[in-house]
Amino acid sequence: MLETSARLLRLLALLQTPRDWTGAELAERLGVSGRTVRADVERLRSLGYPVHATRGSAGGYRLSAGASLPPLLLDDDEAVAVAVGLRTAAGSVAGNAEASLRALAKLEQVMPSRLRHRVNTLQTYTVPVPHDRPGPSVDPDVLTALAAACRAHERLRFDYTTHAGGATRREVEPYRLVTWGRRWYLLAYDLDRADWRTFRVDRLIPRIPTGPRFTPRALPDDDVAAYVSGRVSAAAWRYRARVTVHAPADVIADRINPAVGTVEAVDPESCILHTGADTIETLAVYLGLLNADFTVTEPPELVTHLRTLATRYTNATP
């Protein structure tokens, strides 16, 4: 009986890989006959595992999606990855914290001590940066609906609350969901404005059903995360600056985070940095990190602050 149970677990582990297995391949891997493989497949089906079989030379067995989620087999690295993901699950998804803790408790209950030690060690020596204020809550059903529309390439209509508090209705082609900071964002092509837009997910209410399918466009940037974070930061800046930097554009681009600003080449030896921040002091820090000569003409508050810093640093040296 123990041998049969162990063989069923081995068979299940093989079927959970994303490929089709022929009966002969499974029989060779398990060291049994084809008849035993067929019997074991039927045992798995009786336990609720949807094992799909196809006939012919190209046929075989594979584990399909079922009506309910059966128990899964995870190797060591997969188990650690899932446990760490559950422990660090973003609290920005409404109701996610409780579900994550329940799932984590079930996983740690059956996790070998060596794996619990790996997870606990990683958690002990990982220090998250605390947020000044909690992020807005996002309905998981909304995230699911948006992800489905992105995957199916279906137009999306939704009611949206702008940053100023105004109510609008938008029709877009959705492409990606991006989590940045404490918020979720939808990258989409706005059909009314004929341009790419980034929307806060906590401010939108999808209108179901979705619209017709669309032919996907080329994304505005290969690095979607950098594109979204840059646009989100720019929209929230209180102060903006246009800085001439006396260094090649590619050098400066490597020294700044995309959320800090964008770099525009002027000639081989200079570029323009478009940047901004909530405070003048933060802007001055960004410029100091460039490690290059630069010229600033605006905003006037930044010019004044840099002169003050220049005097302060001069007085600080003997």
C-alpha atoms as a PDB file:
ATOM      1  CA  MET A   1       0.000   0.000   0.000  1.00  0.00           C
ATOM      2  CA  LEU A   2       2.846   2.345   0.866  1.00  0.00           C
ATOM      3  CA  GLU A   3       4.473   1.586  -2.462  1.00  0.00           C
ATOM      4  CA  THR A   4       1.257   2.391  -4.321  1.00  0.00           C
ATOM      5  CA  SER A   5       0.774   5.678  -2.430  1.00  0.00           C
ATOM      6  CA  ALA A   6       4.357   6.735  -3.081  1.00  0.00           C
ATOM      7  CA  ARG A   7       3.949   5.894  -6.763  1.00  0.00           C
ATOM      8  CA  LEU A   8       0.750   7.954  -6.979  1.00  0.00           C
ATOM      9  CA  LEU A   9       2.567  10.953  -5.501  1.00  0.00           C
ATOM     10  CA  ARG A  10       5.397  10.524  -8.001  1.00  0.00           C
ATOM     11  CA  LEU A  11       2.896  10.244 -10.853  1.00  0.00           C
ATOM     12  CA  LEU A  12       1.106  13.372  -9.655  1.00  0.00           C
ATOM     13  CA  ALA A  13       4.394  15.281  -9.502  1.00  0.00           C
ATOM     14  CA  LEU A  14       5.138  14.321 -13.110  1.00  0.00           C
ATOM     15  CA  LEU A  15       1.672  15.296 -14.342  1.00  0.00           C
ATOM     16  CA  GLN A  16       1.919  18.725 -12.673  1.00  0.00           C
ATOM     17  CA  THR A  17       4.727  19.721 -15.045  1.00  0.00           C
ATOM     18  CA  PRO A  18       3.401  21.709 -18.037  1.00  0.00           C
ATOM     19  CA  ARG A  19       3.674  19.017 -20.722  1.00  0.00           C
ATOM     20  CA  ASP A  20       1.981  15.880 -22.033  1.00  0.00           C
ATOM     21  CA  TRP A  21       3.331  12.489 -20.961  1.00  0.00           C
ATOM     22  CA  THR A  22       2.838   9.358 -23.011  1.00  0.00           C
ATOM     23  CA  GLY A  23       1.889   6.170 -21.189  1.00  0.00           C
ATOM     24  CA  ALA A  24       5.244   4.656 -22.134  1.00  0.00           C
ATOM     25  CA  GLU A  25       7.166   7.631 -20.689  1.00  0.00           C
ATOM     26  CA  LEU A  26       5.259   7.448 -17.413  1.00  0.00           C
ATOM     27  CA  ALA A  27       5.717   3.696 -17.191  1.00  0.00           C
ATOM     28  CA  GLU A  28       9.488   4.085 -17.709  1.00  0.00           C
ATOM     29  CA  ARG A  29       9.771   6.856 -15.118  1.00  0.00           C
ATOM     30  CA  LEU A  30       7.772   4.903 -12.527  1.00  0.00           C
ATOM     31  CA  GLY A  31       9.213   1.483 -13.319  1.00  0.00           C
ATOM     32  CA  VAL A  32       5.808  -0.123 -13.881  1.00  0.00           C
ATOM     33  CA  SER A  33       3.703  -1.436 -16.756  1.00  0.00           C
ATOM     34  CA  GLY A  34       1.406   0.624 -18.952  1.00  0.00           C
ATOM     35  CA  ARG A  35      -1.559  -1.134 -17.360  1.00  0.00           C
ATOM     36  CA  THR A  36      -0.443   0.039 -13.896  1.00  0.00           C
ATOM     37  CA  VAL A  37      -0.098   3.589 -15.200  1.00  0.00           C
ATOM     38  CA  ARG A  38      -3.661   3.514 -16.487  1.00  0.00           C
ATOM     39  CA  ALA A  39      -4.889   2.167 -13.139  1.00  0.00           C
ATOM     40  CA  ASP A  40      -2.991   4.867 -11.219  1.00  0.00           C
ATOM     41  CA  VAL A  41      -4.444   7.573 -13.474  1.00  0.00           C
ATOM     42  CA  GLU A  42      -7.934   6.333 -12.620  1.00  0.00           C
ATOM     43  CA  ARG A  43      -7.051   6.455  -8.903  1.00  0.00           C
ATOM     44  CA  LEU A  44      -5.981  10.096  -9.272  1.00  0.00           C
ATOM     45  CA  ARG A  45      -9.217  10.905 -11.068  1.00  0.00           C
ATOM     46  CA  SER A  46     -11.214   9.337  -8.249  1.00  0.00           C
ATOM     47  CA  LEU A  47      -9.381  11.644  -5.835  1.00  0.00           C
ATOM     48  CA  GLY A  48     -10.477  14.705  -7.813  1.00  0.00           C
ATOM     49  CA  TYR A  49      -7.455  15.294 -10.033  1.00  0.00           C
ATOM     50  CA  PRO A  50      -8.605  16.115 -13.603  1.00  0.00           C
ATOM     51  CA  VAL A  51      -6.168  13.982 -15.618  1.00  0.00           C
ATOM     52  CA  HIS A  52      -6.859  14.471 -19.317  1.00  0.00           C
ATOM     53  CA  ALA A  53      -5.886  11.809 -21.844  1.00  0.00           C
ATOM     54  CA  THR A  54      -5.589  12.111 -25.634  1.00  0.00           C
ATOM     55  CA  ARG A  55      -5.220   9.266 -28.096  1.00  0.00           C
ATOM     56  CA  GLY A  56      -2.919   8.878 -31.066  1.00  0.00           C
ATOM     57  CA  SER A  57       0.825   9.044 -31.651  1.00  0.00           C
ATOM     58  CA  ALA A  58       0.983  12.590 -30.287  1.00  0.00           C
ATOM     59  CA  GLY A  59      -1.366  11.866 -27.385  1.00  0.00           C
ATOM     60  CA  GLY A  60      -0.664  11.440 -23.739  1.00  0.00           C
ATOM     61  CA  TYR A  61      -1.653  12.418 -20.214  1.00  0.00           C
ATOM     62  CA  ARG A  62      -1.684  15.846 -18.607  1.00  0.00           C
ATOM     63  CA  LEU A  63      -3.258  17.487 -15.593  1.00  0.00           C
ATOM     64  CA  SER A  64      -6.028  19.883 -16.634  1.00  0.00           C
ATOM     65  CA  ALA A  65      -7.774  22.666 -14.749  1.00  0.00           C
ATOM     66  CA  GLY A  66     -10.743  21.380 -12.788  1.00  0.00           C
ATOM     67  CA  ALA A  67     -13.805  22.806 -11.083  1.00  0.00           C
ATOM     68  CA  SER A  68     -11.971  22.924  -7.748  1.00  0.00           C
ATOM     69  CA  LEU A  69      -8.339  23.194  -6.718  1.00  0.00           C
ATOM     70  CA  PRO A  70      -6.903  19.784  -5.736  1.00  0.00           C
ATOM     71  CA  PRO A  71      -3.839  19.457  -3.450  1.00  0.00           C
ATOM     72  CA  LEU A  72      -0.591  20.412  -5.187  1.00  0.00           C
ATOM     73  CA  LEU A  73       2.904  18.978  -4.837  1.00  0.00           C
ATOM     74  CA  LEU A  74       5.686  21.544  -4.448  1.00  0.00           C
ATOM     75  CA  ASP A  75       9.419  20.956  -4.479  1.00  0.00           C
ATOM     76  CA  ASP A  76      11.619  22.664  -1.864  1.00  0.00           C
ATOM     77  CA  ASP A  77      12.309  25.844  -3.827  1.00  0.00           C
ATOM     78  CA  GLU A  78       8.659  26.191  -4.859  1.00  0.00           C
ATOM     79  CA  ALA A  79       7.463  25.760  -1.265  1.00  0.00           C
ATOM     80  CA  VAL A  80       9.879  28.418   0.007  1.00  0.00           C
ATOM     81  CA  ALA A  81       8.886  30.804  -2.791  1.00  0.00           C
ATOM     82  CA  VAL A  82       5.184  30.399  -2.001  1.00  0.00           C
ATOM     83  CA  ALA A  83       5.729  30.840   1.756  1.00  0.00           C
ATOM     84  CA  VAL A  84       7.813  33.986   1.280  1.00  0.00           C
ATOM     85  CA  GLY A  85       5.255  35.360  -1.169  1.00  0.00           C
ATOM     86  CA  LEU A  86       2.427  34.765   1.294  1.00  0.00           C
ATOM     87  CA  ARG A  87       4.318  36.411   4.138  1.00  0.00           C
ATOM     88  CA  THR A  88       5.069  39.477   2.080  1.00  0.00           C
ATOM     89  CA  ALA A  89       1.708  39.586   0.290  1.00  0.00           C
ATOM     90  CA  ALA A  90       0.712  43.167  -0.350  1.00  0.00           C
ATOM     91  CA  GLY A  91      -1.887  44.416   2.077  1.00  0.00           C
ATOM     92  CA  SER A  92      -3.183  46.725  -0.641  1.00  0.00           C
ATOM     93  CA  VAL A  93      -5.544  43.990  -1.875  1.00  0.00           C
ATOM     94  CA  ALA A  94      -8.702  43.992   0.236  1.00  0.00           C
ATOM     95  CA  GLY A  95      -9.088  40.787   2.236  1.00  0.00           C
ATOM     96  CA  ASN A  96      -5.740  39.473   1.037  1.00  0.00           C
ATOM     97  CA  ALA A  97      -4.000  39.521   4.436  1.00  0.00           C
ATOM     98  CA  GLU A  98      -6.392  37.060   6.097  1.00  0.00           C
ATOM     99  CA  ALA A  99      -6.399  34.665   3.132  1.00  0.00           C
ATOM    100  CA  SER A 100      -2.592  34.807   2.966  1.00  0.00           C
ATOM    101  CA  LEU A 101      -2.254  33.958   6.653  1.00  0.00           C
ATOM    102  CA  ARG A 102      -4.658  31.009   6.335  1.00  0.00           C
ATOM    103  CA  ALA A 103      -2.752  29.625   3.354  1.00  0.00           C
ATOM    104  CA  LEU A 104       0.595  30.196   5.077  1.00  0.00           C
ATOM    105  CA  ALA A 105      -0.570  28.352   8.209  1.00  0.00           C
ATOM    106  CA  LYS A 106      -1.584  25.329   6.108  1.00  0.00           C
ATOM    107  CA  LEU A 107       1.712  25.344   4.241  1.00  0.00           C
ATOM    108  CA  GLU A 108       3.933  25.713   7.325  1.00  0.00           C
ATOM    109  CA  GLN A 109       2.042  22.930   9.108  1.00  0.00           C
ATOM    110  CA  VAL A 110       3.283  20.358   6.595  1.00  0.00           C
ATOM    111  CA  MET A 111       6.574  22.038   5.673  1.00  0.00           C
ATOM    112  CA  PRO A 112       9.736  20.153   6.732  1.00  0.00           C
ATOM    113  CA  SER A 113      11.763  21.859   9.464  1.00  0.00           C
ATOM    114  CA  ARG A 114      14.654  22.552   7.067  1.00  0.00           C
ATOM    115  CA  LEU A 115      12.337  24.578   4.827  1.00  0.00           C
ATOM    116  CA  ARG A 116      10.691  26.402   7.738  1.00  0.00           C
ATOM    117  CA  HIS A 117      14.195  27.374   8.853  1.00  0.00           C
ATOM    118  CA  ARG A 118      14.964  28.837   5.394  1.00  0.00           C
ATOM    119  CA  VAL A 119      11.741  30.842   5.354  1.00  0.00           C
ATOM    120  CA  ASN A 120      12.145  32.083   8.942  1.00  0.00           C
ATOM    121  CA  THR A 121      15.767  33.078   8.341  1.00  0.00           C
ATOM    122  CA  LEU A 122      14.834  35.088   5.274  1.00  0.00           C
ATOM    123  CA  GLN A 123      11.981  36.758   7.147  1.00  0.00           C
ATOM    124  CA  THR A 124      14.153  37.543  10.198  1.00  0.00           C
ATOM    125  CA  TYR A 125      16.874  39.237   8.208  1.00  0.00           C
ATOM    126  CA  THR A 126      14.580  41.105   5.828  1.00  0.00           C
ATOM    127  CA  VAL A 127      13.560  44.558   7.028  1.00  0.00           C
ATOM    128  CA  PRO A 128      10.710  46.252   5.125  1.00  0.00           C
ATOM    129  CA  VAL A 129      10.681  50.040   4.900  1.00  0.00           C
ATOM    130  CA  PRO A 130       7.607  51.240   6.827  1.00  0.00           C
ATOM    131  CA  HIS A 131       5.123  53.391   4.950  1.00  0.00           C
ATOM    132  CA  ASP A 132       4.061  56.784   6.260  1.00  0.00           C
ATOM    133  CA  ARG A 133       0.458  55.859   5.615  1.00  0.00           C
ATOM    134  CA  PRO A 134      -1.331  52.750   4.399  1.00  0.00           C
ATOM    135  CA  GLY A 135      -2.053  52.447   0.716  1.00  0.00           C
ATOM    136  CA  PRO A 136      -5.562  52.436  -0.704  1.00  0.00           C
ATOM    137  CA  SER A 137      -7.459  49.166  -0.684  1.00  0.00           C
ATOM    138  CA  VAL A 138      -8.122  47.401  -3.993  1.00  0.00           C
ATOM    139  CA  ASP A 139     -10.955  44.926  -4.537  1.00  0.00           C
ATOM    140  CA  PRO A 140      -9.460  41.574  -5.674  1.00  0.00           C
ATOM    141  CA  ASP A 141     -12.461  41.075  -7.980  1.00  0.00           C
ATOM    142  CA  VAL A 142     -11.520  44.296  -9.773  1.00  0.00           C
ATOM    143  CA  LEU A 143      -7.927  43.107 -10.206  1.00  0.00           C
ATOM    144  CA  THR A 144      -9.183  39.792 -11.573  1.00  0.00           C
ATOM    145  CA  ALA A 145     -11.520  41.527 -14.036  1.00  0.00           C
ATOM    146  CA  LEU A 146      -8.752  43.844 -15.262  1.00  0.00           C
ATOM    147  CA  ALA A 147      -6.254  40.998 -15.655  1.00  0.00           C
ATOM    148  CA  ALA A 148      -8.831  38.975 -17.615  1.00  0.00           C
ATOM    149  CA  ALA A 149      -9.473  41.906 -19.969  1.00  0.00           C
ATOM    150  CA  CYS A 150      -5.724  42.346 -20.506  1.00  0.00           C
ATOM    151  CA  ARG A 151      -5.293  38.652 -21.279  1.00  0.00           C
ATOM    152  CA  ALA A 152      -8.304  38.436 -23.612  1.00  0.00           C
ATOM    153  CA  HIS A 153      -7.485  41.754 -25.371  1.00  0.00           C
ATOM    154  CA  GLU A 154     -10.971  43.094 -24.702  1.00  0.00           C
ATOM    155  CA  ARG A 155     -11.914  46.760 -24.532  1.00  0.00           C
ATOM    156  CA  LEU A 156     -12.707  47.981 -21.059  1.00  0.00           C
ATOM    157  CA  ARG A 157     -15.195  50.618 -19.937  1.00  0.00           C
ATOM    158  CA  PHE A 158     -15.020  52.000 -16.419  1.00  0.00           C
ATOM    159  CA  ASP A 159     -16.020  54.902 -14.198  1.00  0.00           C
ATOM    160  CA  TYR A 160     -12.964  56.784 -12.957  1.00  0.00           C
ATOM    161  CA  THR A 161     -12.312  59.325 -10.218  1.00  0.00           C
ATOM    162  CA  THR A 162      -9.551  61.756 -11.183  1.00  0.00           C
ATOM    163  CA  HIS A 163      -6.846  63.114  -8.889  1.00  0.00           C
ATOM    164  CA  ALA A 164      -8.905  66.282  -8.471  1.00  0.00           C
ATOM    165  CA  GLY A 165     -11.985  64.282  -7.473  1.00  0.00           C
ATOM    166  CA  GLY A 166     -13.889  64.600 -10.748  1.00  0.00           C
ATOM    167  CA  ALA A 167     -15.911  61.703 -12.166  1.00  0.00           C
ATOM    168  CA  THR A 168     -15.273  60.519 -15.735  1.00  0.00           C
ATOM    169  CA  ARG A 169     -16.101  57.524 -17.882  1.00  0.00           C
ATOM    170  CA  ARG A 170     -13.287  55.980 -19.913  1.00  0.00           C
ATOM    171  CA  GLU A 171     -13.021  53.408 -22.673  1.00  0.00           C
ATOM    172  CA  VAL A 172      -9.594  51.847 -23.084  1.00  0.00           C
ATOM    173  CA  GLU A 173      -7.579  48.962 -24.420  1.00  0.00           C
ATOM    174  CA  PRO A 174      -6.057  47.413 -21.265  1.00  0.00           C
ATOM    175  CA  TYR A 175      -2.538  45.985 -21.429  1.00  0.00           C
ATOM    176  CA  ARG A 176      -0.792  45.574 -18.066  1.00  0.00           C
ATOM    177  CA  LEU A 177      -1.337  45.770 -14.306  1.00  0.00           C
ATOM    178  CA  VAL A 178       1.596  47.297 -12.431  1.00  0.00           C
ATOM    179  CA  THR A 179       2.093  47.469  -8.675  1.00  0.00           C
ATOM    180  CA  TRP A 180       4.358  50.320  -7.583  1.00  0.00           C
ATOM    181  CA  GLY A 181       4.833  51.702  -4.111  1.00  0.00           C
ATOM    182  CA  ARG A 182       1.602  51.056  -2.247  1.00  0.00           C
ATOM    183  CA  ARG A 183      -0.714  51.255  -5.262  1.00  0.00           C
ATOM    184  CA  TRP A 184      -1.915  49.275  -8.280  1.00  0.00           C
ATOM    185  CA  TYR A 185      -1.996  50.867 -11.749  1.00  0.00           C
ATOM    186  CA  LEU A 186      -3.530  49.910 -15.085  1.00  0.00           C
ATOM    187  CA  LEU A 187      -1.557  50.720 -18.228  1.00  0.00           C
ATOM    188  CA  ALA A 188      -4.001  51.192 -21.093  1.00  0.00           C
ATOM    189  CA  TYR A 189      -4.503  52.946 -24.410  1.00  0.00           C
ATOM    190  CA  ASP A 190      -7.221  55.575 -23.965  1.00  0.00           C
ATOM    191  CA  LEU A 191      -9.414  55.481 -27.090  1.00  0.00           C
ATOM    192  CA  ASP A 192     -10.997  58.913 -26.535  1.00  0.00           C
ATOM    193  CA  ARG A 193      -7.628  60.617 -26.019  1.00  0.00           C
ATOM    194  CA  ALA A 194      -5.764  58.479 -28.557  1.00  0.00           C
ATOM    195  CA  ASP A 195      -2.810  58.084 -26.209  1.00  0.00           C
ATOM    196  CA  TRP A 196      -1.361  55.869 -23.487  1.00  0.00           C
ATOM    197  CA  ARG A 197      -2.640  56.494 -19.977  1.00  0.00           C
ATOM    198  CA  THR A 198      -1.982  55.147 -16.480  1.00  0.00           C
ATOM    199  CA  PHE A 199      -4.963  54.706 -14.123  1.00  0.00           C
ATOM    200  CA  ARG A 200      -5.090  54.110 -10.382  1.00  0.00           C
ATOM    201  CA  VAL A 201      -6.958  50.823  -9.905  1.00  0.00           C
ATOM    202  CA  ASP A 202      -8.468  51.918  -6.574  1.00  0.00           C
ATOM    203  CA  ARG A 203     -10.157  54.815  -8.398  1.00  0.00           C
ATOM    204  CA  LEU A 204     -11.872  52.842 -11.144  1.00  0.00           C
ATOM    205  CA  ILE A 205     -15.041  50.759 -11.277  1.00  0.00           C
ATOM    206  CA  PRO A 206     -15.180  48.389 -14.291  1.00  0.00           C
ATOM    207  CA  ARG A 207     -18.370  48.156 -16.308  1.00  0.00           C
ATOM    208  CA  ILE A 208     -19.133  44.528 -17.084  1.00  0.00           C
ATOM    209  CA  PRO A 209     -19.418  42.994 -19.619  1.00  0.00           C
ATOM    210  CA  THR A 210     -16.291  44.127 -21.395  1.00  0.00           C
ATOM    211  CA  GLY A 211     -16.263  45.407 -24.950  1.00  0.00           C
ATOM    212  CA  PRO A 212     -15.136  43.810 -28.226  1.00  0.00           C
ATOM    213  CA  ARG A 213     -11.702  42.301 -28.741  1.00  0.00           C
ATOM    214  CA  PHE A 214      -8.917  44.491 -30.107  1.00  0.00           C
ATOM    215  CA  THR A 215      -5.648  43.959 -31.942  1.00  0.00           C
ATOM    216  CA  PRO A 216      -2.817  44.662 -29.467  1.00  0.00           C
ATOM    217  CA  ARG A 217      -0.609  47.681 -30.121  1.00  0.00           C
ATOM    218  CA  ALA A 218       3.117  47.883 -29.490  1.00  0.00           C
ATOM    219  CA  LEU A 219       3.701  48.883 -25.872  1.00  0.00           C
ATOM    220  CA  PRO A 220       5.003  52.427 -25.312  1.00  0.00           C
ATOM    221  CA  ASP A 221       8.170  51.055 -23.670  1.00  0.00           C
ATOM    222  CA  ASP A 222       9.805  47.647 -23.376  1.00  0.00           C
ATOM    223  CA  ASP A 223      10.237  48.300 -19.644  1.00  0.00           C
ATOM    224  CA  VAL A 224       6.615  48.716 -18.602  1.00  0.00           C
ATOM    225  CA  ALA A 225       7.448  49.055 -14.904  1.00  0.00           C
ATOM    226  CA  ALA A 226       9.881  51.919 -15.533  1.00  0.00           C
ATOM    227  CA  TYR A 227       7.428  53.608 -17.896  1.00  0.00           C
ATOM    228  CA  VAL A 228       4.574  53.501 -15.386  1.00  0.00           C
ATOM    229  CA  SER A 229       6.684  54.520 -12.391  1.00  0.00           C
ATOM    230  CA  GLY A 230       8.086  57.473 -14.341  1.00  0.00           C
ATOM    231  CA  ARG A 231       4.658  58.729 -15.376  1.00  0.00           C
ATOM    232  CA  VAL A 232       3.199  58.222 -11.918  1.00  0.00           C
ATOM    233  CA  SER A 233       6.029  60.163 -10.303  1.00  0.00           C
ATOM    234  CA  ALA A 234       5.768  63.016 -12.812  1.00  0.00           C
ATOM    235  CA  ALA A 235       2.039  63.353 -12.216  1.00  0.00           C
ATOM    236  CA  ALA A 236       2.586  63.758  -8.481  1.00  0.00           C
ATOM    237  CA  TRP A 237       5.527  66.227  -8.594  1.00  0.00           C
ATOM    238  CA  ARG A 238       5.017  69.553  -6.868  1.00  0.00           C
ATOM    239  CA  TYR A 239       8.213  71.048  -8.311  1.00  0.00           C
ATOM    240  CA  ARG A 240       9.574  70.394 -11.795  1.00  0.00           C
ATOM    241  CA  ALA A 241      13.003  71.186 -13.172  1.00  0.00           C
ATOM    242  CA  ARG A 242      14.697  71.170 -16.566  1.00  0.00           C
ATOM    243  CA  VAL A 243      18.417  70.676 -15.990  1.00  0.00           C
ATOM    244  CA  THR A 244      21.235  70.812 -18.546  1.00  0.00           C
ATOM    245  CA  VAL A 245      23.757  68.151 -17.571  1.00  0.00           C
ATOM    246  CA  HIS A 246      27.245  68.311 -19.051  1.00  0.00           C
ATOM    247  CA  ALA A 247      27.642  64.578 -19.574  1.00  0.00           C
ATOM    248  CA  PRO A 248      26.470  62.023 -22.164  1.00  0.00           C
ATOM    249  CA  ALA A 249      22.808  61.032 -21.955  1.00  0.00           C
ATOM    250  CA  ASP A 250      23.503  57.299 -21.590  1.00  0.00           C
ATOM    251  CA  VAL A 251      25.828  57.954 -18.631  1.00  0.00           C
ATOM    252  CA  ILE A 252      23.224  60.025 -16.788  1.00  0.00           C
ATOM    253  CA  ALA A 253      20.413  57.605 -17.607  1.00  0.00           C
ATOM    254  CA  ASP A 254      22.391  54.839 -15.880  1.00  0.00           C
ATOM    255  CA  ARG A 255      22.752  56.953 -12.731  1.00  0.00           C
ATOM    256  CA  ILE A 256      19.115  57.771 -12.065  1.00  0.00           C
ATOM    257  CA  ASN A 257      16.033  55.751 -11.295  1.00  0.00           C
ATOM    258  CA  PRO A 258      13.302  56.042 -13.958  1.00  0.00           C
ATOM    259  CA  ALA A 259      11.030  57.425 -11.228  1.00  0.00           C
ATOM    260  CA  VAL A 260      13.405  60.393 -10.796  1.00  0.00           C
ATOM    261  CA  GLY A 261      13.069  61.702 -14.334  1.00  0.00           C
ATOM    262  CA  THR A 262      13.812  61.265 -18.020  1.00  0.00           C
ATOM    263  CA  VAL A 263      16.949  62.069 -19.981  1.00  0.00           C
ATOM    264  CA  GLU A 264      16.996  63.751 -23.392  1.00  0.00           C
ATOM    265  CA  ALA A 265      20.225  63.818 -25.422  1.00  0.00           C
ATOM    266  CA  VAL A 266      21.406  67.206 -26.740  1.00  0.00           C
ATOM    267  CA  ASP A 267      24.773  66.244 -28.229  1.00  0.00           C
ATOM    268  CA  PRO A 268      27.412  63.584 -27.486  1.00  0.00           C
ATOM    269  CA  GLU A 269      28.606  65.478 -24.391  1.00  0.00           C
ATOM    270  CA  SER A 270      25.430  66.935 -22.860  1.00  0.00           C
ATOM    271  CA  CYS A 271      21.781  66.143 -22.156  1.00  0.00           C
ATOM    272  CA  ILE A 272      18.621  67.517 -20.580  1.00  0.00           C
ATOM    273  CA  LEU A 273      17.257  65.968 -17.384  1.00  0.00           C
ATOM    274  CA  HIS A 274      13.516  66.444 -16.854  1.00  0.00           C
ATOM    275  CA  THR A 275      12.935  65.801 -13.197  1.00  0.00           C
ATOM    276  CA  GLY A 276      10.827  66.796 -10.237  1.00  0.00           C
ATOM    277  CA  ALA A 277       9.974  66.142  -6.603  1.00  0.00           C
ATOM    278  CA  ASP A 278       7.652  67.144  -3.788  1.00  0.00           C
ATOM    279  CA  THR A 279      10.336  69.341  -2.193  1.00  0.00           C
ATOM    280  CA  ILE A 280      13.159  71.551  -3.442  1.00  0.00           C
ATOM    281  CA  GLU A 281      15.535  69.801  -1.041  1.00  0.00           C
ATOM    282  CA  THR A 282      14.815  66.442  -2.686  1.00  0.00           C
ATOM    283  CA  LEU A 283      15.478  67.920  -6.122  1.00  0.00           C
ATOM    284  CA  ALA A 284      18.856  69.171  -4.935  1.00  0.00           C
ATOM    285  CA  VAL A 285      19.718  65.671  -3.674  1.00  0.00           C
ATOM    286  CA  TYR A 286      18.891  64.183  -7.083  1.00  0.00           C
ATOM    287  CA  LEU A 287      21.235  66.639  -8.790  1.00  0.00           C
ATOM    288  CA  GLY A 288      24.011  65.950  -6.332  1.00  0.00           C
ATOM    289  CA  LEU A 289      23.829  62.237  -7.136  1.00  0.00           C
ATOM    290  CA  LEU A 290      24.471  62.856 -10.847  1.00  0.00           C
ATOM    291  CA  ASN A 291      28.225  63.249 -10.198  1.00  0.00           C
ATOM    292  CA  ALA A 292      28.454  65.635 -13.161  1.00  0.00           C
ATOM    293  CA  ASP A 293      28.410  69.379 -13.846  1.00  0.00           C
ATOM    294  CA  PHE A 294      24.983  70.837 -14.543  1.00  0.00           C
ATOM    295  CA  THR A 295      23.182  74.120 -15.154  1.00  0.00           C
ATOM    296  CA  VAL A 296      19.801  75.007 -13.655  1.00  0.00           C
ATOM    297  CA  THR A 297      17.649  77.968 -14.679  1.00  0.00           C
ATOM    298  CA  GLU A 298      14.272  76.926 -13.271  1.00  0.00           C
ATOM    299  CA  PRO A 299      12.373  76.754 -11.026  1.00  0.00           C
ATOM    300  CA  PRO A 300      13.658  79.854  -9.197  1.00  0.00           C
ATOM    301  CA  GLU A 301      13.201  78.159  -5.810  1.00  0.00           C
ATOM    302  CA  LEU A 302      15.710  75.491  -6.851  1.00  0.00           C
ATOM    303  CA  VAL A 303      18.202  78.062  -8.092  1.00  0.00           C
ATOM    304  CA  THR A 304      18.008  79.896  -4.766  1.00  0.00           C
ATOM    305  CA  HIS A 305      18.386  76.697  -2.778  1.00  0.00           C
ATOM    306  CA  LEU A 306      21.444  75.580  -4.797  1.00  0.00           C
ATOM    307  CA  ARG A 307      23.111  78.940  -4.123  1.00  0.00           C
ATOM    308  CA  THR A 308      22.454  78.482  -0.422  1.00  0.00           C
ATOM    309  CA  LEU A 309      23.957  74.988  -0.563  1.00  0.00           C
ATOM    310  CA  ALA A 310      26.992  76.268  -2.474  1.00  0.00           C
ATOM    311  CA  THR A 311      27.664  78.848   0.255  1.00  0.00           C
ATOM    312  CA  ARG A 312      27.105  76.281   2.996  1.00  0.00           C
ATOM    313  CA  TYR A 313      29.477  73.750   1.443  1.00  0.00           C
ATOM    314  CA  THR A 314      32.108  76.420   0.824  1.00  0.00           C
ATOM    315  CA  ASN A 315      31.940  77.508   4.454  1.00  0.00           C
ATOM    316  CA  ALA A 316      32.195  73.886   5.567  1.00  0.00           C
ATOM    317  CA  THR A 317      35.721  73.524   4.120  1.00  0.00           C
ATOM    318  CA  PRO A 318      38.768  75.190   5.748  1.00  0.00           C
END
